[in-house]
């Protein structure tokens, strides 16, 4: 994966709260809990990319770039592509800029207005429109406040605990998946989620559609321009795509359940199997067409 050093980056949609102390004021969910909803004005969906029950065994080494644990505002200093040389965390601004710019152009082309969604980077715990949350829930999108929430330490967990290969595009896939939920929210799709567990549940259909939408962005990623009109991402290799697929598989319900409880229980699925997640991500990547991401047809899964 190659980033354009001549790109101009936009940090107006980045909220880096690491080190600010504000994220811990609301307490947070006890470690190991599985947040499947919120409680502000009734049941509110808390969409998460990963459901951890805690206590996963540690894994091996990693070839993923190290995440810098620096003071709040770290990502907000990423203004140019060349800033990546001194601050490797700037890659997350590249991802977010590319994904949002793509959907900001794609939705109006289909007659739908795109409303930007900030990405809030936190450490430890955070207060959200869905209630307080901790890093244990993994990256998530909160529909009430229309924000993507991300603790960068998750990507180490993705490798060491869940066995993913990791790498830059694995990170990009995760963030693109969360912005897929934002696109769903703008279309009112998240409001149709009634059943939240089971192999054909609404929750599974929503998650697989978000995987497909992440693939749609992937198909167009190297053509999405930055503020100065130059592409933000200049190259994606087959290895990059393979790492995205690998990340999708590693957070399949069957993979996680096998690791956490030693058996697979389809009746409690909420995100889809490893094979389903790879298949729908591939469908989006191959077609580049969001209309191919209809997971709601009864026979589509």
C-alpha atoms as a PDB file:
ATOM      1  CA  UNK A   1       0.000   0.000   0.000  1.00  0.00           C
ATOM      2  CA  UNK A   2       1.501   3.317  -1.081  1.00  0.00           C
ATOM      3  CA  UNK A   3       0.500   6.777   0.087  1.00  0.00           C
ATOM      4  CA  UNK A   4       1.006   9.927  -1.973  1.00  0.00           C
ATOM      5  CA  UNK A   5       3.666  12.136  -0.325  1.00  0.00           C
ATOM      6  CA  UNK A   6       2.298  15.114  -2.282  1.00  0.00           C
ATOM      7  CA  UNK A   7      -1.210  14.736  -0.834  1.00  0.00           C
ATOM      8  CA  UNK A   8      -2.855  17.420   1.266  1.00  0.00           C
ATOM      9  CA  UNK A   9      -4.595  15.873   4.283  1.00  0.00           C
ATOM     10  CA  UNK A  10      -7.783  17.090   5.934  1.00  0.00           C
ATOM     11  CA  UNK A  11      -7.933  16.666   9.716  1.00  0.00           C
ATOM     12  CA  UNK A  12     -11.236  18.522  10.196  1.00  0.00           C
ATOM     13  CA  UNK A  13     -12.998  15.181  10.615  1.00  0.00           C
ATOM     14  CA  UNK A  14     -10.418  13.709  12.997  1.00  0.00           C
ATOM     15  CA  UNK A  15     -10.929  13.908  16.760  1.00  0.00           C
ATOM     16  CA  UNK A  16      -7.801  12.617  18.461  1.00  0.00           C
ATOM     17  CA  UNK A  17      -8.519  12.492  22.198  1.00  0.00           C
ATOM     18  CA  UNK A  18      -5.627  10.266  23.272  1.00  0.00           C
ATOM     19  CA  UNK A  19      -3.935  11.634  26.343  1.00  0.00           C
ATOM     20  CA  UNK A  20      -6.616  14.255  26.964  1.00  0.00           C
ATOM     21  CA  UNK A  21      -8.107  12.443  29.949  1.00  0.00           C
ATOM     22  CA  UNK A  22     -11.609  13.252  28.731  1.00  0.00           C
ATOM     23  CA  UNK A  23     -12.288   9.746  27.492  1.00  0.00           C
ATOM     24  CA  UNK A  24     -12.136   8.234  30.967  1.00  0.00           C
ATOM     25  CA  UNK A  25     -14.505  10.501  32.817  1.00  0.00           C
ATOM     26  CA  UNK A  26     -17.555   8.379  32.123  1.00  0.00           C
ATOM     27  CA  UNK A  27     -16.187   5.125  33.462  1.00  0.00           C
ATOM     28  CA  UNK A  28     -16.847   2.590  30.755  1.00  0.00           C
ATOM     29  CA  UNK A  29     -18.132  -0.902  30.297  1.00  0.00           C
ATOM     30  CA  UNK A  30     -16.509  -3.536  32.505  1.00  0.00           C
ATOM     31  CA  UNK A  31     -13.781  -5.449  30.725  1.00  0.00           C
ATOM     32  CA  UNK A  32     -14.993  -8.506  28.882  1.00  0.00           C
ATOM     33  CA  UNK A  33     -18.617  -7.392  28.467  1.00  0.00           C
ATOM     34  CA  UNK A  34     -20.187  -7.605  25.025  1.00  0.00           C
ATOM     35  CA  UNK A  35     -21.947  -4.317  24.203  1.00  0.00           C
ATOM     36  CA  UNK A  36     -24.697  -5.124  21.716  1.00  0.00           C
ATOM     37  CA  UNK A  37     -26.806  -2.053  22.317  1.00  0.00           C
ATOM     38  CA  UNK A  38     -27.118   1.247  24.115  1.00  0.00           C
ATOM     39  CA  UNK A  39     -29.678   2.720  26.436  1.00  0.00           C
ATOM     40  CA  UNK A  40     -30.277   6.358  25.475  1.00  0.00           C
ATOM     41  CA  UNK A  41     -33.961   6.824  24.807  1.00  0.00           C
ATOM     42  CA  UNK A  42     -34.587   3.117  24.303  1.00  0.00           C
ATOM     43  CA  UNK A  43     -32.571   0.403  22.619  1.00  0.00           C
ATOM     44  CA  UNK A  44     -29.853   1.908  20.429  1.00  0.00           C
ATOM     45  CA  UNK A  45     -27.708  -0.231  18.193  1.00  0.00           C
ATOM     46  CA  UNK A  46     -23.997  -0.161  18.974  1.00  0.00           C
ATOM     47  CA  UNK A  47     -22.348  -1.538  15.856  1.00  0.00           C
ATOM     48  CA  UNK A  48     -19.012  -3.193  16.570  1.00  0.00           C
ATOM     49  CA  UNK A  49     -16.522  -4.866  14.302  1.00  0.00           C
ATOM     50  CA  UNK A  50     -15.339  -7.214  17.033  1.00  0.00           C
ATOM     51  CA  UNK A  51     -17.072  -8.912  19.946  1.00  0.00           C
ATOM     52  CA  UNK A  52     -14.483  -9.995  22.488  1.00  0.00           C
ATOM     53  CA  UNK A  53     -15.290 -11.970  25.602  1.00  0.00           C
ATOM     54  CA  UNK A  54     -11.810 -11.410  27.010  1.00  0.00           C
ATOM     55  CA  UNK A  55      -9.058 -13.804  27.986  1.00  0.00           C
ATOM     56  CA  UNK A  56      -7.879 -14.645  24.472  1.00  0.00           C
ATOM     57  CA  UNK A  57      -4.512 -16.346  24.253  1.00  0.00           C
ATOM     58  CA  UNK A  58      -1.599 -14.238  23.042  1.00  0.00           C
ATOM     59  CA  UNK A  59      -0.238 -14.845  19.586  1.00  0.00           C
ATOM     60  CA  UNK A  60       3.038 -14.499  17.763  1.00  0.00           C
ATOM     61  CA  UNK A  61       4.937 -11.667  16.182  1.00  0.00           C
ATOM     62  CA  UNK A  62       3.738  -8.869  13.935  1.00  0.00           C
ATOM     63  CA  UNK A  63       4.776  -7.056  10.792  1.00  0.00           C
ATOM     64  CA  UNK A  64       2.244  -4.302  11.359  1.00  0.00           C
ATOM     65  CA  UNK A  65       3.604  -0.751  11.725  1.00  0.00           C
ATOM     66  CA  UNK A  66       3.790   0.226  15.376  1.00  0.00           C
ATOM     67  CA  UNK A  67       1.098   2.561  16.684  1.00  0.00           C
ATOM     68  CA  UNK A  68       2.522   5.560  18.466  1.00  0.00           C
ATOM     69  CA  UNK A  69       1.171   6.261  21.943  1.00  0.00           C
ATOM     70  CA  UNK A  70       1.542  10.005  22.008  1.00  0.00           C
ATOM     71  CA  UNK A  71      -0.372  12.946  23.421  1.00  0.00           C
ATOM     72  CA  UNK A  72      -3.784  14.075  22.222  1.00  0.00           C
ATOM     73  CA  UNK A  73      -3.794  15.860  18.890  1.00  0.00           C
ATOM     74  CA  UNK A  74      -1.243  13.570  17.291  1.00  0.00           C
ATOM     75  CA  UNK A  75      -3.320  12.894  14.202  1.00  0.00           C
ATOM     76  CA  UNK A  76      -4.407  16.516  13.949  1.00  0.00           C
ATOM     77  CA  UNK A  77      -0.839  17.461  13.077  1.00  0.00           C
ATOM     78  CA  UNK A  78      -1.003  15.363   9.876  1.00  0.00           C
ATOM     79  CA  UNK A  79      -1.413  18.006   7.183  1.00  0.00           C
ATOM     80  CA  UNK A  80       0.735  16.754   4.307  1.00  0.00           C
ATOM     81  CA  UNK A  81       1.568  13.363   2.883  1.00  0.00           C
ATOM     82  CA  UNK A  82       5.184  13.901   3.855  1.00  0.00           C
ATOM     83  CA  UNK A  83       4.162  14.032   7.528  1.00  0.00           C
ATOM     84  CA  UNK A  84       3.922  10.249   7.323  1.00  0.00           C
ATOM     85  CA  UNK A  85       7.717  10.114   7.356  1.00  0.00           C
ATOM     86  CA  UNK A  86       7.922  11.526  10.876  1.00  0.00           C
ATOM     87  CA  UNK A  87       4.594  10.232  12.199  1.00  0.00           C
ATOM     88  CA  UNK A  88       3.487   6.823  10.936  1.00  0.00           C
ATOM     89  CA  UNK A  89       0.077   7.277  12.590  1.00  0.00           C
ATOM     90  CA  UNK A  90      -0.746   9.747   9.802  1.00  0.00           C
ATOM     91  CA  UNK A  91      -1.710   6.709   7.735  1.00  0.00           C
ATOM     92  CA  UNK A  92      -5.022   6.700   9.612  1.00  0.00           C
ATOM     93  CA  UNK A  93      -5.754  10.186   8.264  1.00  0.00           C
ATOM     94  CA  UNK A  94      -5.055   8.886   4.752  1.00  0.00           C
ATOM     95  CA  UNK A  95      -7.541   6.049   5.272  1.00  0.00           C
ATOM     96  CA  UNK A  96     -10.255   8.277   6.688  1.00  0.00           C
ATOM     97  CA  UNK A  97      -9.824  11.011   4.071  1.00  0.00           C
ATOM     98  CA  UNK A  98      -9.964   8.535   1.205  1.00  0.00           C
ATOM     99  CA  UNK A  99     -13.025   6.682   2.501  1.00  0.00           C
ATOM    100  CA  UNK A 100     -15.018   9.817   3.286  1.00  0.00           C
ATOM    101  CA  UNK A 101     -14.076  11.543   0.047  1.00  0.00           C
ATOM    102  CA  UNK A 102     -15.217   8.518  -1.926  1.00  0.00           C
ATOM    103  CA  UNK A 103     -18.646   8.332  -0.288  1.00  0.00           C
ATOM    104  CA  UNK A 104     -19.057  12.124  -0.415  1.00  0.00           C
ATOM    105  CA  UNK A 105     -18.870  11.822  -4.210  1.00  0.00           C
ATOM    106  CA  UNK A 106     -20.591   8.460  -4.666  1.00  0.00           C
ATOM    107  CA  UNK A 107     -23.803   9.086  -2.751  1.00  0.00           C
ATOM    108  CA  UNK A 108     -24.729  12.371  -4.516  1.00  0.00           C
ATOM    109  CA  UNK A 109     -24.113  10.573  -7.811  1.00  0.00           C
ATOM    110  CA  UNK A 110     -26.929   8.274  -6.720  1.00  0.00           C
ATOM    111  CA  UNK A 111     -29.175  11.095  -5.551  1.00  0.00           C
ATOM    112  CA  UNK A 112     -28.332  10.843  -1.849  1.00  0.00           C
ATOM    113  CA  UNK A 113     -26.668  13.523   0.268  1.00  0.00           C
ATOM    114  CA  UNK A 114     -23.581  12.439   2.202  1.00  0.00           C
ATOM    115  CA  UNK A 115     -23.143  13.829   5.702  1.00  0.00           C
ATOM    116  CA  UNK A 116     -19.549  13.534   6.977  1.00  0.00           C
ATOM    117  CA  UNK A 117     -18.873  11.406  10.050  1.00  0.00           C
ATOM    118  CA  UNK A 118     -15.945  12.315  12.318  1.00  0.00           C
ATOM    119  CA  UNK A 119     -13.517   9.628  13.413  1.00  0.00           C
ATOM    120  CA  UNK A 120     -12.739   9.850  17.129  1.00  0.00           C
ATOM    121  CA  UNK A 121      -9.488   8.192  18.151  1.00  0.00           C
ATOM    122  CA  UNK A 122      -9.319   7.343  21.847  1.00  0.00           C
ATOM    123  CA  UNK A 123      -7.366   5.270  24.309  1.00  0.00           C
ATOM    124  CA  UNK A 124      -8.863   3.117  27.052  1.00  0.00           C
ATOM    125  CA  UNK A 125     -12.433   4.369  27.251  1.00  0.00           C
ATOM    126  CA  UNK A 126     -14.687   6.953  25.685  1.00  0.00           C
ATOM    127  CA  UNK A 127     -18.105   8.548  26.123  1.00  0.00           C
ATOM    128  CA  UNK A 128     -20.343   8.269  23.050  1.00  0.00           C
ATOM    129  CA  UNK A 129     -23.886   8.913  21.937  1.00  0.00           C
ATOM    130  CA  UNK A 130     -24.409   5.184  22.478  1.00  0.00           C
ATOM    131  CA  UNK A 131     -23.148   5.363  26.053  1.00  0.00           C
ATOM    132  CA  UNK A 132     -19.682   4.814  27.552  1.00  0.00           C
ATOM    133  CA  UNK A 133     -17.456   2.199  25.932  1.00  0.00           C
ATOM    134  CA  UNK A 134     -14.007   0.764  26.441  1.00  0.00           C
ATOM    135  CA  UNK A 135     -11.369  -0.443  24.023  1.00  0.00           C
ATOM    136  CA  UNK A 136     -12.609  -4.006  24.606  1.00  0.00           C
ATOM    137  CA  UNK A 137     -15.474  -3.531  22.139  1.00  0.00           C
ATOM    138  CA  UNK A 138     -13.113  -2.843  19.239  1.00  0.00           C
ATOM    139  CA  UNK A 139     -13.744  -0.179  16.576  1.00  0.00           C
ATOM    140  CA  UNK A 140     -17.408   0.778  16.238  1.00  0.00           C
ATOM    141  CA  UNK A 141     -19.843   3.207  14.679  1.00  0.00           C
ATOM    142  CA  UNK A 142     -22.387   4.978  16.873  1.00  0.00           C
ATOM    143  CA  UNK A 143     -25.550   5.909  14.926  1.00  0.00           C
ATOM    144  CA  UNK A 144     -26.908   8.575  17.337  1.00  0.00           C
ATOM    145  CA  UNK A 145     -23.820  10.786  17.165  1.00  0.00           C
ATOM    146  CA  UNK A 146     -22.726   9.616  13.703  1.00  0.00           C
ATOM    147  CA  UNK A 147     -19.108   8.952  14.651  1.00  0.00           C
ATOM    148  CA  UNK A 148     -16.614   6.205  14.076  1.00  0.00           C
ATOM    149  CA  UNK A 149     -14.724   5.293  17.271  1.00  0.00           C
ATOM    150  CA  UNK A 150     -11.285   3.761  17.189  1.00  0.00           C
ATOM    151  CA  UNK A 151      -8.629   2.749  19.700  1.00  0.00           C
ATOM    152  CA  UNK A 152      -5.521   2.174  17.606  1.00  0.00           C
ATOM    153  CA  UNK A 153      -4.366  -0.552  19.980  1.00  0.00           C
ATOM    154  CA  UNK A 154      -7.094  -2.769  18.502  1.00  0.00           C
ATOM    155  CA  UNK A 155      -4.917  -3.599  15.525  1.00  0.00           C
ATOM    156  CA  UNK A 156      -2.350  -5.286  17.721  1.00  0.00           C
ATOM    157  CA  UNK A 157      -5.174  -7.309  19.295  1.00  0.00           C
ATOM    158  CA  UNK A 158      -6.347  -8.251  15.809  1.00  0.00           C
ATOM    159  CA  UNK A 159      -2.997  -9.931  15.233  1.00  0.00           C
ATOM    160  CA  UNK A 160      -1.853 -11.245  18.578  1.00  0.00           C
ATOM    161  CA  UNK A 161      -5.228 -12.477  19.829  1.00  0.00           C
ATOM    162  CA  UNK A 162      -7.165 -13.237  16.649  1.00  0.00           C
ATOM    163  CA  UNK A 163      -4.335 -14.376  14.408  1.00  0.00           C
ATOM    164  CA  UNK A 164      -4.722 -11.856  11.588  1.00  0.00           C
ATOM    165  CA  UNK A 165      -1.695 -11.055   9.437  1.00  0.00           C
ATOM    166  CA  UNK A 166      -2.264  -7.343   9.968  1.00  0.00           C
ATOM    167  CA  UNK A 167      -0.662  -4.598   7.920  1.00  0.00           C
ATOM    168  CA  UNK A 168      -1.799  -1.246   6.640  1.00  0.00           C
ATOM    169  CA  UNK A 169      -4.631  -2.450   4.469  1.00  0.00           C
ATOM    170  CA  UNK A 170      -6.036  -4.602   7.288  1.00  0.00           C
ATOM    171  CA  UNK A 171      -6.368  -1.316   9.178  1.00  0.00           C
ATOM    172  CA  UNK A 172      -7.960   0.400   6.192  1.00  0.00           C
ATOM    173  CA  UNK A 173     -10.490  -2.432   5.789  1.00  0.00           C
ATOM    174  CA  UNK A 174     -11.620  -2.104   9.414  1.00  0.00           C
ATOM    175  CA  UNK A 175     -12.149   1.648   9.110  1.00  0.00           C
ATOM    176  CA  UNK A 176     -13.892   1.282   5.743  1.00  0.00           C
ATOM    177  CA  UNK A 177     -16.233  -1.270   7.332  1.00  0.00           C
ATOM    178  CA  UNK A 178     -17.212   1.212  10.050  1.00  0.00           C
ATOM    179  CA  UNK A 179     -17.866   3.921   7.468  1.00  0.00           C
ATOM    180  CA  UNK A 180     -19.978   1.352   5.648  1.00  0.00           C
ATOM    181  CA  UNK A 181     -22.219   1.432   8.718  1.00  0.00           C
ATOM    182  CA  UNK A 182     -22.393   5.218   8.405  1.00  0.00           C
ATOM    183  CA  UNK A 183     -23.570   4.871   4.808  1.00  0.00           C
ATOM    184  CA  UNK A 184     -26.193   2.389   6.016  1.00  0.00           C
ATOM    185  CA  UNK A 185     -27.296   4.865   8.658  1.00  0.00           C
ATOM    186  CA  UNK A 186     -27.733   7.633   6.090  1.00  0.00           C
ATOM    187  CA  UNK A 187     -29.995   5.319   4.076  1.00  0.00           C
ATOM    188  CA  UNK A 188     -31.991   4.329   7.166  1.00  0.00           C
ATOM    189  CA  UNK A 189     -30.853   0.714   6.896  1.00  0.00           C
ATOM    190  CA  UNK A 190     -29.746   0.444  10.526  1.00  0.00           C
ATOM    191  CA  UNK A 191     -33.305   1.216  11.595  1.00  0.00           C
ATOM    192  CA  UNK A 192     -34.503  -2.049  10.086  1.00  0.00           C
ATOM    193  CA  UNK A 193     -32.366  -4.186  12.389  1.00  0.00           C
ATOM    194  CA  UNK A 194     -34.742  -6.136  14.630  1.00  0.00           C
ATOM    195  CA  UNK A 195     -33.109  -9.527  15.095  1.00  0.00           C
ATOM    196  CA  UNK A 196     -29.594  -9.439  16.512  1.00  0.00           C
ATOM    197  CA  UNK A 197     -28.471 -13.034  16.704  1.00  0.00           C
ATOM    198  CA  UNK A 198     -28.568 -16.031  14.418  1.00  0.00           C
ATOM    199  CA  UNK A 199     -26.992 -16.919  11.055  1.00  0.00           C
ATOM    200  CA  UNK A 200     -29.643 -15.042   9.031  1.00  0.00           C
ATOM    201  CA  UNK A 201     -30.326 -12.273  11.563  1.00  0.00           C
ATOM    202  CA  UNK A 202     -30.634  -8.631  10.633  1.00  0.00           C
ATOM    203  CA  UNK A 203     -27.395  -7.965  12.506  1.00  0.00           C
ATOM    204  CA  UNK A 204     -25.482 -10.442  10.337  1.00  0.00           C
ATOM    205  CA  UNK A 205     -26.990  -8.938   7.176  1.00  0.00           C
ATOM    206  CA  UNK A 206     -25.961  -5.456   8.285  1.00  0.00           C
ATOM    207  CA  UNK A 207     -22.383  -6.501   9.049  1.00  0.00           C
ATOM    208  CA  UNK A 208     -21.944  -8.333   5.757  1.00  0.00           C
ATOM    209  CA  UNK A 209     -23.302  -5.346   3.862  1.00  0.00           C
ATOM    210  CA  UNK A 210     -20.769  -3.109   5.628  1.00  0.00           C
ATOM    211  CA  UNK A 211     -18.041  -5.535   4.521  1.00  0.00           C
ATOM    212  CA  UNK A 212     -19.287  -5.246   0.941  1.00  0.00           C
ATOM    213  CA  UNK A 213     -19.349  -1.440   1.140  1.00  0.00           C
ATOM    214  CA  UNK A 214     -15.759  -1.526   2.427  1.00  0.00           C
ATOM    215  CA  UNK A 215     -14.935  -3.511  -0.698  1.00  0.00           C
ATOM    216  CA  UNK A 216     -16.652  -0.921  -2.915  1.00  0.00           C
ATOM    217  CA  UNK A 217     -14.333   1.769  -1.552  1.00  0.00           C
ATOM    218  CA  UNK A 218     -11.377  -0.585  -2.033  1.00  0.00           C
ATOM    219  CA  UNK A 219     -12.224  -0.951  -5.724  1.00  0.00           C
ATOM    220  CA  UNK A 220     -11.918   2.831  -6.187  1.00  0.00           C
ATOM    221  CA  UNK A 221      -9.293   3.611  -3.539  1.00  0.00           C
ATOM    222  CA  UNK A 222      -6.394   4.472  -5.839  1.00  0.00           C
ATOM    223  CA  UNK A 223      -8.474   7.055  -7.745  1.00  0.00           C
ATOM    224  CA  UNK A 224      -9.853   8.998  -4.757  1.00  0.00           C
ATOM    225  CA  UNK A 225      -8.298  12.495  -4.660  1.00  0.00           C
ATOM    226  CA  UNK A 226      -7.143  14.499  -1.670  1.00  0.00           C
ATOM    227  CA  UNK A 227      -7.711  18.202  -1.069  1.00  0.00           C
ATOM    228  CA  UNK A 228      -5.302  19.174  -3.844  1.00  0.00           C
ATOM    229  CA  UNK A 229      -6.830  16.775  -6.376  1.00  0.00           C
ATOM    230  CA  UNK A 230      -3.996  14.243  -6.226  1.00  0.00           C
ATOM    231  CA  UNK A 231      -4.765  10.618  -5.288  1.00  0.00           C
ATOM    232  CA  UNK A 232      -4.331   9.888  -1.595  1.00  0.00           C
ATOM    233  CA  UNK A 233      -3.498   6.214  -2.108  1.00  0.00           C
ATOM    234  CA  UNK A 234      -1.429   5.480  -5.191  1.00  0.00           C
ATOM    235  CA  UNK A 235      -1.127   1.701  -5.108  1.00  0.00           C
ATOM    236  CA  UNK A 236      -2.824  -1.384  -3.683  1.00  0.00           C
ATOM    237  CA  UNK A 237      -1.227  -4.751  -4.273  1.00  0.00           C
ATOM    238  CA  UNK A 238      -2.731  -8.216  -4.251  1.00  0.00           C
ATOM    239  CA  UNK A 239      -0.987  -8.742  -0.926  1.00  0.00           C
ATOM    240  CA  UNK A 240      -2.826  -5.710   0.461  1.00  0.00           C
ATOM    241  CA  UNK A 241      -6.173  -7.136  -0.645  1.00  0.00           C
ATOM    242  CA  UNK A 242      -5.217 -10.511   0.805  1.00  0.00           C
ATOM    243  CA  UNK A 243      -4.512  -8.853   4.155  1.00  0.00           C
ATOM    244  CA  UNK A 244      -7.918  -7.174   4.061  1.00  0.00           C
ATOM    245  CA  UNK A 245      -9.567 -10.523   3.377  1.00  0.00           C
ATOM    246  CA  UNK A 246      -7.541 -12.097   6.151  1.00  0.00           C
ATOM    247  CA  UNK A 247      -8.677  -9.419   8.601  1.00  0.00           C
ATOM    248  CA  UNK A 248     -12.303  -9.959   7.545  1.00  0.00           C
ATOM    249  CA  UNK A 249     -11.945 -13.696   8.134  1.00  0.00           C
ATOM    250  CA  UNK A 250     -10.306 -13.250  11.528  1.00  0.00           C
ATOM    251  CA  UNK A 251     -13.358 -11.430  12.884  1.00  0.00           C
ATOM    252  CA  UNK A 252     -15.854 -13.968  11.571  1.00  0.00           C
ATOM    253  CA  UNK A 253     -18.227 -15.237  14.250  1.00  0.00           C
ATOM    254  CA  UNK A 254     -17.107 -18.826  13.781  1.00  0.00           C
ATOM    255  CA  UNK A 255     -13.407 -17.934  14.150  1.00  0.00           C
ATOM    256  CA  UNK A 256     -13.981 -15.833  17.275  1.00  0.00           C
ATOM    257  CA  UNK A 257     -16.275 -18.391  18.883  1.00  0.00           C
ATOM    258  CA  UNK A 258     -13.844 -21.207  18.239  1.00  0.00           C
ATOM    259  CA  UNK A 259     -11.085 -19.220  19.936  1.00  0.00           C
ATOM    260  CA  UNK A 260     -13.130 -17.936  22.866  1.00  0.00           C
ATOM    261  CA  UNK A 261     -15.379 -20.899  23.677  1.00  0.00           C
ATOM    262  CA  UNK A 262     -13.940 -23.826  21.772  1.00  0.00           C
ATOM    263  CA  UNK A 263     -17.062 -24.419  19.705  1.00  0.00           C
ATOM    264  CA  UNK A 264     -19.225 -22.680  17.113  1.00  0.00           C
ATOM    265  CA  UNK A 265     -22.823 -21.759  17.954  1.00  0.00           C
ATOM    266  CA  UNK A 266     -24.536 -20.324  14.854  1.00  0.00           C
ATOM    267  CA  UNK A 267     -27.619 -19.280  16.818  1.00  0.00           C
ATOM    268  CA  UNK A 268     -25.515 -16.580  18.487  1.00  0.00           C
ATOM    269  CA  UNK A 269     -23.914 -15.229  15.281  1.00  0.00           C
ATOM    270  CA  UNK A 270     -24.052 -11.449  14.946  1.00  0.00           C
ATOM    271  CA  UNK A 271     -21.469 -10.619  12.251  1.00  0.00           C
ATOM    272  CA  UNK A 272     -21.298 -13.598   9.875  1.00  0.00           C
ATOM    273  CA  UNK A 273     -18.806 -16.377   9.307  1.00  0.00           C
ATOM    274  CA  UNK A 274     -15.260 -15.910   8.078  1.00  0.00           C
ATOM    275  CA  UNK A 275     -16.259 -17.256   4.655  1.00  0.00           C
ATOM    276  CA  UNK A 276     -19.250 -14.902   4.421  1.00  0.00           C
ATOM    277  CA  UNK A 277     -17.237 -11.870   5.413  1.00  0.00           C
ATOM    278  CA  UNK A 278     -14.573 -12.610   2.815  1.00  0.00           C
ATOM    279  CA  UNK A 279     -17.197 -13.297   0.147  1.00  0.00           C
ATOM    280  CA  UNK A 280     -19.054 -10.031   0.642  1.00  0.00           C
ATOM    281  CA  UNK A 281     -15.882  -7.973   0.907  1.00  0.00           C
ATOM    282  CA  UNK A 282     -14.745  -9.568  -2.369  1.00  0.00           C
ATOM    283  CA  UNK A 283     -18.087  -8.812  -4.032  1.00  0.00           C
ATOM    284  CA  UNK A 284     -17.654  -5.130  -3.260  1.00  0.00           C
ATOM    285  CA  UNK A 285     -14.010  -5.139  -4.323  1.00  0.00           C
ATOM    286  CA  UNK A 286     -14.753  -6.896  -7.608  1.00  0.00           C
ATOM    287  CA  UNK A 287     -17.768  -4.811  -8.628  1.00  0.00           C
ATOM    288  CA  UNK A 288     -17.082  -1.397  -7.096  1.00  0.00           C
ATOM    289  CA  UNK A 289     -20.876  -1.033  -7.116  1.00  0.00           C
ATOM    290  CA  UNK A 290     -22.847  -0.496  -3.927  1.00  0.00           C
ATOM    291  CA  UNK A 291     -25.987  -1.906  -5.552  1.00  0.00           C
ATOM    292  CA  UNK A 292     -24.251  -5.294  -5.497  1.00  0.00           C
ATOM    293  CA  UNK A 293     -24.268  -5.161  -1.677  1.00  0.00           C
ATOM    294  CA  UNK A 294     -27.838  -6.313  -1.095  1.00  0.00           C
ATOM    295  CA  UNK A 295     -27.539  -8.686   1.830  1.00  0.00           C
ATOM    296  CA  UNK A 296     -31.193  -8.268   2.754  1.00  0.00           C
ATOM    297  CA  UNK A 297     -32.624 -10.578   0.110  1.00  0.00           C
ATOM    298  CA  UNK A 298     -33.667 -13.755   1.909  1.00  0.00           C
ATOM    299  CA  UNK A 299     -31.449 -16.054  -0.151  1.00  0.00           C
ATOM    300  CA  UNK A 300     -28.483 -13.700  -0.477  1.00  0.00           C
ATOM    301  CA  UNK A 301     -26.362 -14.896   2.439  1.00  0.00           C
END
